[in-house]
PDB file of N, CA and C in Angstrom:
ATOM      1  N   MET A   1      21.619 -13.518   0.894  1.00  0.00           N
ATOM      2  CA  MET A   1      20.930 -13.601   2.167  1.00  0.00           C
ATOM      3  C   MET A   1      20.371 -15.001   2.346  1.00  0.00           C
ATOM      4  N   HIS A   2      20.396 -15.485   3.555  1.00  0.00           N
ATOM      5  CA  HIS A   2      19.859 -16.797   3.867  1.00  0.00           C
ATOM      6  C   HIS A   2      18.342 -16.734   3.986  1.00  0.00           C
ATOM      7  N   GLU A   3      17.701 -17.831   3.628  1.00  0.00           N
ATOM      8  CA  GLU A   3      16.264 -17.933   3.866  1.00  0.00           C
ATOM      9  C   GLU A   3      16.041 -18.054   5.367  1.00  0.00           C
ATOM     10  N   PRO A   4      14.985 -17.424   5.902  1.00  0.00           N
ATOM     11  CA  PRO A   4      14.746 -17.515   7.336  1.00  0.00           C
ATOM     12  C   PRO A   4      14.349 -18.932   7.750  1.00  0.00           C
ATOM     13  N   ASP A   5      14.721 -19.281   8.968  1.00  0.00           N
ATOM     14  CA  ASP A   5      14.301 -20.556   9.532  1.00  0.00           C
ATOM     15  C   ASP A   5      12.824 -20.521   9.889  1.00  0.00           C
ATOM     16  N   ALA A   6      12.339 -19.339  10.198  1.00  0.00           N
ATOM     17  CA  ALA A   6      10.940 -19.181  10.582  1.00  0.00           C
ATOM     18  C   ALA A   6      10.499 -17.761  10.265  1.00  0.00           C
ATOM     19  N   ARG A   7       9.199 -17.599  10.094  1.00  0.00           N
ATOM     20  CA  ARG A   7       8.635 -16.273   9.827  1.00  0.00           C
ATOM     21  C   ARG A   7       7.306 -16.177  10.555  1.00  0.00           C
ATOM     22  N   GLY A   8       7.039 -15.024  11.117  1.00  0.00           N
ATOM     23  CA  GLY A   8       5.780 -14.796  11.809  1.00  0.00           C
ATOM     24  C   GLY A   8       5.355 -13.355  11.622  1.00  0.00           C
ATOM     25  N   PHE A   9       4.208 -13.034  12.155  1.00  0.00           N
ATOM     26  CA  PHE A   9       3.658 -11.699  11.997  1.00  0.00           C
ATOM     27  C   PHE A   9       3.299 -11.135  13.368  1.00  0.00           C
ATOM     28  N   VAL A  10       3.611  -9.859  13.564  1.00  0.00           N
ATOM     29  CA  VAL A  10       3.272  -9.163  14.792  1.00  0.00           C
ATOM     30  C   VAL A  10       2.255  -8.103  14.404  1.00  0.00           C
ATOM     31  N   ALA A  11       1.030  -8.269  14.876  1.00  0.00           N
ATOM     32  CA  ALA A  11      -0.023  -7.282  14.595  1.00  0.00           C
ATOM     33  C   ALA A  11      -0.102  -6.321  15.784  1.00  0.00           C
ATOM     34  N   LEU A  12       0.015  -5.040  15.514  1.00  0.00           N
ATOM     35  CA  LEU A  12      -0.072  -4.030  16.557  1.00  0.00           C
ATOM     36  C   LEU A  12      -1.328  -3.192  16.349  1.00  0.00           C
ATOM     37  N   PRO A  13      -1.877  -2.646  17.429  1.00  0.00           N
ATOM     38  CA  PRO A  13      -3.118  -1.870  17.291  1.00  0.00           C
ATOM     39  C   PRO A  13      -2.950  -0.582  16.487  1.00  0.00           C
ATOM     40  N   THR A  14      -1.742  -0.020  16.489  1.00  0.00           N
ATOM     41  CA  THR A  14      -1.473   1.194  15.717  1.00  0.00           C
ATOM     42  C   THR A  14      -0.120   1.046  15.034  1.00  0.00           C
ATOM     43  N   PRO A  15       0.066   1.711  13.896  1.00  0.00           N
ATOM     44  CA  PRO A  15       1.363   1.635  13.203  1.00  0.00           C
ATOM     45  C   PRO A  15       2.472   2.278  14.040  1.00  0.00           C
ATOM     46  N   ILE A  16       3.680   1.767  13.875  1.00  0.00           N
ATOM     47  CA  ILE A  16       4.844   2.365  14.528  1.00  0.00           C
ATOM     48  C   ILE A  16       5.935   2.576  13.491  1.00  0.00           C
ATOM     49  N   ASP A  17       6.828   3.468  13.799  1.00  0.00           N
ATOM     50  CA  ASP A  17       8.019   3.688  12.981  1.00  0.00           C
ATOM     51  C   ASP A  17       9.117   2.829  13.600  1.00  0.00           C
ATOM     52  N   LEU A  18       9.522   1.771  12.900  1.00  0.00           N
ATOM     53  CA  LEU A  18      10.503   0.849  13.456  1.00  0.00           C
ATOM     54  C   LEU A  18      11.812   1.543  13.816  1.00  0.00           C
ATOM     55  N   ALA A  19      12.273   2.457  12.969  1.00  0.00           N
ATOM     56  CA  ALA A  19      13.544   3.142  13.241  1.00  0.00           C
ATOM     57  C   ALA A  19      13.453   3.988  14.504  1.00  0.00           C
ATOM     58  N   LEU A  20      12.361   4.721  14.668  1.00  0.00           N
ATOM     59  CA  LEU A  20      12.207   5.548  15.866  1.00  0.00           C
ATOM     60  C   LEU A  20      11.991   4.703  17.118  1.00  0.00           C
ATOM     61  N   THR A  21      11.271   3.604  16.967  1.00  0.00           N
ATOM     62  CA  THR A  21      10.983   2.748  18.116  1.00  0.00           C
ATOM     63  C   THR A  21      12.212   1.973  18.567  1.00  0.00           C
ATOM     64  N   LEU A  22      12.983   1.450  17.622  1.00  0.00           N
ATOM     65  CA  LEU A  22      14.107   0.588  17.973  1.00  0.00           C
ATOM     66  C   LEU A  22      15.457   1.296  17.997  1.00  0.00           C
ATOM     67  N   GLY A  23      15.510   2.530  17.502  1.00  0.00           N
ATOM     68  CA  GLY A  23      16.765   3.289  17.536  1.00  0.00           C
ATOM     69  C   GLY A  23      17.386   3.375  18.921  1.00  0.00           C
ATOM     70  N   PRO A  24      16.585   3.639  19.968  1.00  0.00           N
ATOM     71  CA  PRO A  24      17.161   3.728  21.315  1.00  0.00           C
ATOM     72  C   PRO A  24      17.737   2.412  21.846  1.00  0.00           C
ATOM     73  N   VAL A  25      17.405   1.285  21.220  1.00  0.00           N
ATOM     74  CA  VAL A  25      17.950  -0.008  21.650  1.00  0.00           C
ATOM     75  C   VAL A  25      19.443  -0.092  21.318  1.00  0.00           C
ATOM     76  N   ALA A  26      19.856   0.618  20.282  1.00  0.00           N
ATOM     77  CA  ALA A  26      21.260   0.594  19.863  1.00  0.00           C
ATOM     78  C   ALA A  26      22.134   1.313  20.885  1.00  0.00           C
ATOM     79  N   HIS A  27      23.315   0.776  21.104  1.00  0.00           N
ATOM     80  CA  HIS A  27      24.295   1.404  21.997  1.00  0.00           C
ATOM     81  C   HIS A  27      25.281   2.181  21.140  1.00  0.00           C
ATOM     82  N   GLY A  28      24.859   3.322  20.661  1.00  0.00           N
ATOM     83  CA  GLY A  28      25.695   4.136  19.788  1.00  0.00           C
ATOM     84  C   GLY A  28      25.544   3.734  18.326  1.00  0.00           C
ATOM     85  N   ARG A  29      26.128   4.511  17.442  1.00  0.00           N
ATOM     86  CA  ARG A  29      25.985   4.275  15.999  1.00  0.00           C
ATOM     87  C   ARG A  29      26.707   3.030  15.510  1.00  0.00           C
ATOM     88  N   GLY A  30      27.697   2.580  16.243  1.00  0.00           N
ATOM     89  CA  GLY A  30      28.479   1.431  15.795  1.00  0.00           C
ATOM     90  C   GLY A  30      28.065   0.116  16.444  1.00  0.00           C
ATOM     91  N   ASP A  31      26.930   0.079  17.090  1.00  0.00           N
ATOM     92  CA  ASP A  31      26.480  -1.138  17.776  1.00  0.00           C
ATOM     93  C   ASP A  31      26.330  -2.273  16.768  1.00  0.00           C
ATOM     94  N   PRO A  32      27.109  -3.345  16.917  1.00  0.00           N
ATOM     95  CA  PRO A  32      27.039  -4.437  15.945  1.00  0.00           C
ATOM     96  C   PRO A  32      25.809  -5.333  16.099  1.00  0.00           C
ATOM     97  N   THR A  33      25.017  -5.138  17.147  1.00  0.00           N
ATOM     98  CA  THR A  33      23.871  -6.022  17.365  1.00  0.00           C
ATOM     99  C   THR A  33      22.597  -5.533  16.700  1.00  0.00           C
ATOM    100  N   ILE A  34      22.594  -4.340  16.126  1.00  0.00           N
ATOM    101  CA  ILE A  34      21.383  -3.821  15.493  1.00  0.00           C
ATOM    102  C   ILE A  34      21.747  -2.972  14.282  1.00  0.00           C
ATOM    103  N   ARG A  35      21.016  -3.168  13.208  1.00  0.00           N
ATOM    104  CA  ARG A  35      21.179  -2.378  11.986  1.00  0.00           C
ATOM    105  C   ARG A  35      19.798  -1.918  11.534  1.00  0.00           C
ATOM    106  N   ILE A  36      19.656  -0.625  11.337  1.00  0.00           N
ATOM    107  CA  ILE A  36      18.388  -0.054  10.894  1.00  0.00           C
ATOM    108  C   ILE A  36      18.596   0.484   9.493  1.00  0.00           C
ATOM    109  N   GLY A  37      17.797   0.011   8.546  1.00  0.00           N
ATOM    110  CA  GLY A  37      17.961   0.420   7.162  1.00  0.00           C
ATOM    111  C   GLY A  37      16.640   0.434   6.430  1.00  0.00           C
ATOM    112  N   PRO A  38      16.692   0.700   5.125  1.00  0.00           N
ATOM    113  CA  PRO A  38      15.462   0.785   4.335  1.00  0.00           C
ATOM    114  C   PRO A  38      14.714  -0.541   4.235  1.00  0.00           C
ATOM    115  N   ASP A  39      15.405  -1.655   4.475  1.00  0.00           N
ATOM    116  CA  ASP A  39      14.748  -2.966   4.392  1.00  0.00           C
ATOM    117  C   ASP A  39      14.189  -3.414   5.746  1.00  0.00           C
ATOM    118  N   GLY A  40      14.300  -2.573   6.774  1.00  0.00           N
ATOM    119  CA  GLY A  40      13.782  -2.910   8.089  1.00  0.00           C
ATOM    120  C   GLY A  40      14.883  -2.883   9.134  1.00  0.00           C
ATOM    121  N   VAL A  41      14.667  -3.607  10.220  1.00  0.00           N
ATOM    122  CA  VAL A  41      15.614  -3.643  11.328  1.00  0.00           C
ATOM    123  C   VAL A  41      16.135  -5.066  11.481  1.00  0.00           C
ATOM    124  N   TRP A  42      17.452  -5.197  11.541  1.00  0.00           N
ATOM    125  CA  TRP A  42      18.118  -6.471  11.804  1.00  0.00           C
ATOM    126  C   TRP A  42      18.681  -6.408  13.213  1.00  0.00           C
ATOM    127  N   ARG A  43      18.456  -7.450  14.000  1.00  0.00           N
ATOM    128  CA  ARG A  43      18.971  -7.463  15.365  1.00  0.00           C
ATOM    129  C   ARG A  43      19.502  -8.843  15.723  1.00  0.00           C
ATOM    130  N   ALA A  44      20.695  -8.860  16.279  1.00  0.00           N
ATOM    131  CA  ALA A  44      21.283 -10.087  16.806  1.00  0.00           C
ATOM    132  C   ALA A  44      21.019 -10.112  18.306  1.00  0.00           C
ATOM    133  N   THR A  45      20.660 -11.265  18.813  1.00  0.00           N
ATOM    134  CA  THR A  45      20.334 -11.372  20.233  1.00  0.00           C
ATOM    135  C   THR A  45      20.593 -12.782  20.732  1.00  0.00           C
ATOM    136  N   ARG A  46      20.512 -12.950  22.015  1.00  0.00           N
ATOM    137  CA  ARG A  46      20.590 -14.277  22.624  1.00  0.00           C
ATOM    138  C   ARG A  46      19.214 -14.624  23.180  1.00  0.00           C
ATOM    139  N   THR A  47      18.826 -15.862  23.011  1.00  0.00           N
ATOM    140  CA  THR A  47      17.560 -16.346  23.550  1.00  0.00           C
ATOM    141  C   THR A  47      17.858 -17.591  24.385  1.00  0.00           C
ATOM    142  N   PRO A  48      16.871 -18.072  25.136  1.00  0.00           N
ATOM    143  CA  PRO A  48      17.083 -19.331  25.861  1.00  0.00           C
ATOM    144  C   PRO A  48      17.411 -20.498  24.926  1.00  0.00           C
ATOM    145  N   ASP A  49      17.016 -20.381  23.646  1.00  0.00           N
ATOM    146  CA  ASP A  49      17.283 -21.424  22.657  1.00  0.00           C
ATOM    147  C   ASP A  49      18.613 -21.236  21.935  1.00  0.00           C
ATOM    148  N   GLY A  50      19.335 -20.170  22.247  1.00  0.00           N
ATOM    149  CA  GLY A  50      20.614 -19.903  21.601  1.00  0.00           C
ATOM    150  C   GLY A  50      20.610 -18.573  20.872  1.00  0.00           C
ATOM    151  N   PRO A  51      21.693 -18.253  20.147  1.00  0.00           N
ATOM    152  CA  PRO A  51      21.775 -16.976  19.438  1.00  0.00           C
ATOM    153  C   PRO A  51      20.767 -16.904  18.306  1.00  0.00           C
ATOM    154  N   ALA A  52      20.346 -15.668  17.983  1.00  0.00           N
ATOM    155  CA  ALA A  52      19.343 -15.475  16.938  1.00  0.00           C
ATOM    156  C   ALA A  52      19.607 -14.192  16.177  1.00  0.00           C
ATOM    157  N   THR A  53      19.207 -14.189  14.926  1.00  0.00           N
ATOM    158  CA  THR A  53      19.180 -12.982  14.117  1.00  0.00           C
ATOM    159  C   THR A  53      17.735 -12.755  13.719  1.00  0.00           C
ATOM    160  N   ILE A  54      17.211 -11.574  14.036  1.00  0.00           N
ATOM    161  CA  ILE A  54      15.806 -11.262  13.771  1.00  0.00           C
ATOM    162  C   ILE A  54      15.740 -10.093  12.798  1.00  0.00           C
ATOM    163  N   HIS A  55      14.890 -10.214  11.806  1.00  0.00           N
ATOM    164  CA  HIS A  55      14.655  -9.144  10.843  1.00  0.00           C
ATOM    165  C   HIS A  55      13.200  -8.714  10.984  1.00  0.00           C
ATOM    166  N   LEU A  56      12.975  -7.437  11.285  1.00  0.00           N
ATOM    167  CA  LEU A  56      11.635  -6.876  11.402  1.00  0.00           C
ATOM    168  C   LEU A  56      11.412  -5.888  10.270  1.00  0.00           C
ATOM    169  N   ARG A  57      10.251  -5.978   9.639  1.00  0.00           N
ATOM    170  CA  ARG A  57       9.905  -5.007   8.596  1.00  0.00           C
ATOM    171  C   ARG A  57       8.400  -4.840   8.559  1.00  0.00           C
ATOM    172  N   ALA A  58       7.969  -3.673   8.137  1.00  0.00           N
ATOM    173  CA  ALA A  58       6.544  -3.396   7.996  1.00  0.00           C
ATOM    174  C   ALA A  58       6.079  -3.849   6.624  1.00  0.00           C
ATOM    175  N   ALA A  59       4.889  -4.465   6.576  1.00  0.00           N
ATOM    176  CA  ALA A  59       4.321  -4.906   5.303  1.00  0.00           C
ATOM    177  C   ALA A  59       2.811  -4.990   5.431  1.00  0.00           C
ATOM    178  N   ASP A  60       2.110  -4.192   4.655  1.00  0.00           N
ATOM    179  CA  ASP A  60       0.645  -4.240   4.609  1.00  0.00           C
ATOM    180  C   ASP A  60       0.003  -4.112   5.981  1.00  0.00           C
ATOM    181  N   GLY A  61       0.500  -3.189   6.803  1.00  0.00           N
ATOM    182  CA  GLY A  61      -0.117  -2.922   8.088  1.00  0.00           C
ATOM    183  C   GLY A  61       0.247  -3.878   9.213  1.00  0.00           C
ATOM    184  N   VAL A  62       1.088  -4.860   8.942  1.00  0.00           N
ATOM    185  CA  VAL A  62       1.574  -5.755  10.000  1.00  0.00           C
ATOM    186  C   VAL A  62       3.091  -5.741   9.969  1.00  0.00           C
ATOM    187  N   TYR A  63       3.695  -6.288  10.982  1.00  0.00           N
ATOM    188  CA  TYR A  63       5.144  -6.345  11.062  1.00  0.00           C
ATOM    189  C   TYR A  63       5.569  -7.796  10.888  1.00  0.00           C
ATOM    190  N   VAL A  64       6.444  -8.018   9.938  1.00  0.00           N
ATOM    191  CA  VAL A  64       6.917  -9.353   9.626  1.00  0.00           C
ATOM    192  C   VAL A  64       8.208  -9.586  10.400  1.00  0.00           C
ATOM    193  N   ALA A  65       8.250 -10.667  11.145  1.00  0.00           N
ATOM    194  CA  ALA A  65       9.437 -11.042  11.895  1.00  0.00           C
ATOM    195  C   ALA A  65       9.996 -12.315  11.282  1.00  0.00           C
ATOM    196  N   SER A  66      11.201 -12.225  10.764  1.00  0.00           N
ATOM    197  CA  SER A  66      11.890 -13.393  10.217  1.00  0.00           C
ATOM    198  C   SER A  66      13.040 -13.718  11.151  1.00  0.00           C
ATOM    199  N   ALA A  67      13.272 -14.993  11.369  1.00  0.00           N
ATOM    200  CA  ALA A  67      14.322 -15.386  12.304  1.00  0.00           C
ATOM    201  C   ALA A  67      15.254 -16.400  11.672  1.00  0.00           C
ATOM    202  N   LEU A  68      16.529 -16.230  11.946  1.00  0.00           N
ATOM    203  CA  LEU A  68      17.557 -17.183  11.543  1.00  0.00           C
ATOM    204  C   LEU A  68      18.130 -17.814  12.808  1.00  0.00           C
ATOM    205  N   ARG A  69      18.251 -19.109  12.808  1.00  0.00           N
ATOM    206  CA  ARG A  69      18.879 -19.835  13.914  1.00  0.00           C
ATOM    207  C   ARG A  69      18.184 -19.638  15.251  1.00  0.00           C
ATOM    208  N   VAL A  70      16.872 -19.699  15.260  1.00  0.00           N
ATOM    209  CA  VAL A  70      16.148 -19.586  16.532  1.00  0.00           C
ATOM    210  C   VAL A  70      14.747 -20.153  16.371  1.00  0.00           C
ATOM    211  N   ALA A  71      14.180 -20.644  17.438  1.00  0.00           N
ATOM    212  CA  ALA A  71      12.794 -21.098  17.409  1.00  0.00           C
ATOM    213  C   ALA A  71      11.881 -19.893  17.239  1.00  0.00           C
ATOM    214  N   MET A  72      10.829 -20.034  16.441  1.00  0.00           N
ATOM    215  CA  MET A  72       9.970 -18.896  16.134  1.00  0.00           C
ATOM    216  C   MET A  72       9.283 -18.331  17.369  1.00  0.00           C
ATOM    217  N   HIS A  73       8.961 -19.158  18.353  1.00  0.00           N
ATOM    218  CA  HIS A  73       8.269 -18.608  19.529  1.00  0.00           C
ATOM    219  C   HIS A  73       9.154 -17.595  20.255  1.00  0.00           C
ATOM    220  N   ALA A  74      10.445 -17.828  20.288  1.00  0.00           N
ATOM    221  CA  ALA A  74      11.354 -16.871  20.912  1.00  0.00           C
ATOM    222  C   ALA A  74      11.424 -15.596  20.082  1.00  0.00           C
ATOM    223  N   ALA A  75      11.474 -15.724  18.755  1.00  0.00           N
ATOM    224  CA  ALA A  75      11.525 -14.556  17.878  1.00  0.00           C
ATOM    225  C   ALA A  75      10.245 -13.732  17.993  1.00  0.00           C
ATOM    226  N   ARG A  76       9.097 -14.390  18.064  1.00  0.00           N
ATOM    227  CA  ARG A  76       7.832 -13.651  18.207  1.00  0.00           C
ATOM    228  C   ARG A  76       7.796 -12.868  19.520  1.00  0.00           C
ATOM    229  N   GLN A  77       8.232 -13.510  20.584  1.00  0.00           N
ATOM    230  CA  GLN A  77       8.231 -12.840  21.880  1.00  0.00           C
ATOM    231  C   GLN A  77       9.152 -11.629  21.856  1.00  0.00           C
ATOM    232  N   ILE A  78      10.358 -11.816  21.340  1.00  0.00           N
ATOM    233  CA  ILE A  78      11.319 -10.709  21.274  1.00  0.00           C
ATOM    234  C   ILE A  78      10.791  -9.602  20.378  1.00  0.00           C
ATOM    235  N   SER A  79      10.227  -9.966  19.221  1.00  0.00           N
ATOM    236  CA  SER A  79       9.713  -8.969  18.278  1.00  0.00           C
ATOM    237  C   SER A  79       8.589  -8.163  18.910  1.00  0.00           C
ATOM    238  N   ALA A  80       7.660  -8.829  19.568  1.00  0.00           N
ATOM    239  CA  ALA A  80       6.547  -8.133  20.219  1.00  0.00           C
ATOM    240  C   ALA A  80       7.057  -7.191  21.308  1.00  0.00           C
ATOM    241  N   GLU A  81       8.043  -7.652  22.067  1.00  0.00           N
ATOM    242  CA  GLU A  81       8.602  -6.806  23.125  1.00  0.00           C
ATOM    243  C   GLU A  81       9.318  -5.593  22.547  1.00  0.00           C
ATOM    244  N   LEU A  82      10.057  -5.775  21.474  1.00  0.00           N
ATOM    245  CA  LEU A  82      10.762  -4.658  20.846  1.00  0.00           C
ATOM    246  C   LEU A  82       9.788  -3.631  20.287  1.00  0.00           C
ATOM    247  N   CYS A  83       8.750  -4.107  19.602  1.00  0.00           N
ATOM    248  CA  CYS A  83       7.810  -3.183  18.957  1.00  0.00           C
ATOM    249  C   CYS A  83       6.938  -2.457  19.949  1.00  0.00           C
ATOM    250  N   SER A  84       6.772  -3.001  21.143  1.00  0.00           N
ATOM    251  CA  SER A  84       5.931  -2.318  22.133  1.00  0.00           C
ATOM    252  C   SER A  84       6.761  -1.553  23.157  1.00  0.00           C
ATOM    253  N   ALA A  85       8.077  -1.522  22.954  1.00  0.00           N
ATOM    254  CA  ALA A  85       8.970  -0.835  23.911  1.00  0.00           C
ATOM    255  C   ALA A  85       8.697   0.647  23.949  1.00  0.00           C
TER     256      ALA A  85
END
């Protein structure tokens, strides 16, 4: 696995289940843009800064957002929007 280009934290007022929250984002079980597993949620997306891969996982009451190939501000915005969907 590659080291992330950036890492940030998304603090939410209450805990969420990432799989239940982000499962509906997938377009069927074979959607190549999202993978939900025991290590968290991986999502490929496009941002104004270009393509990005975002990894979300729960850790110590906060959600860690790691991003590959994207500016962290875009990853934070996308992560916050996904977790509050």
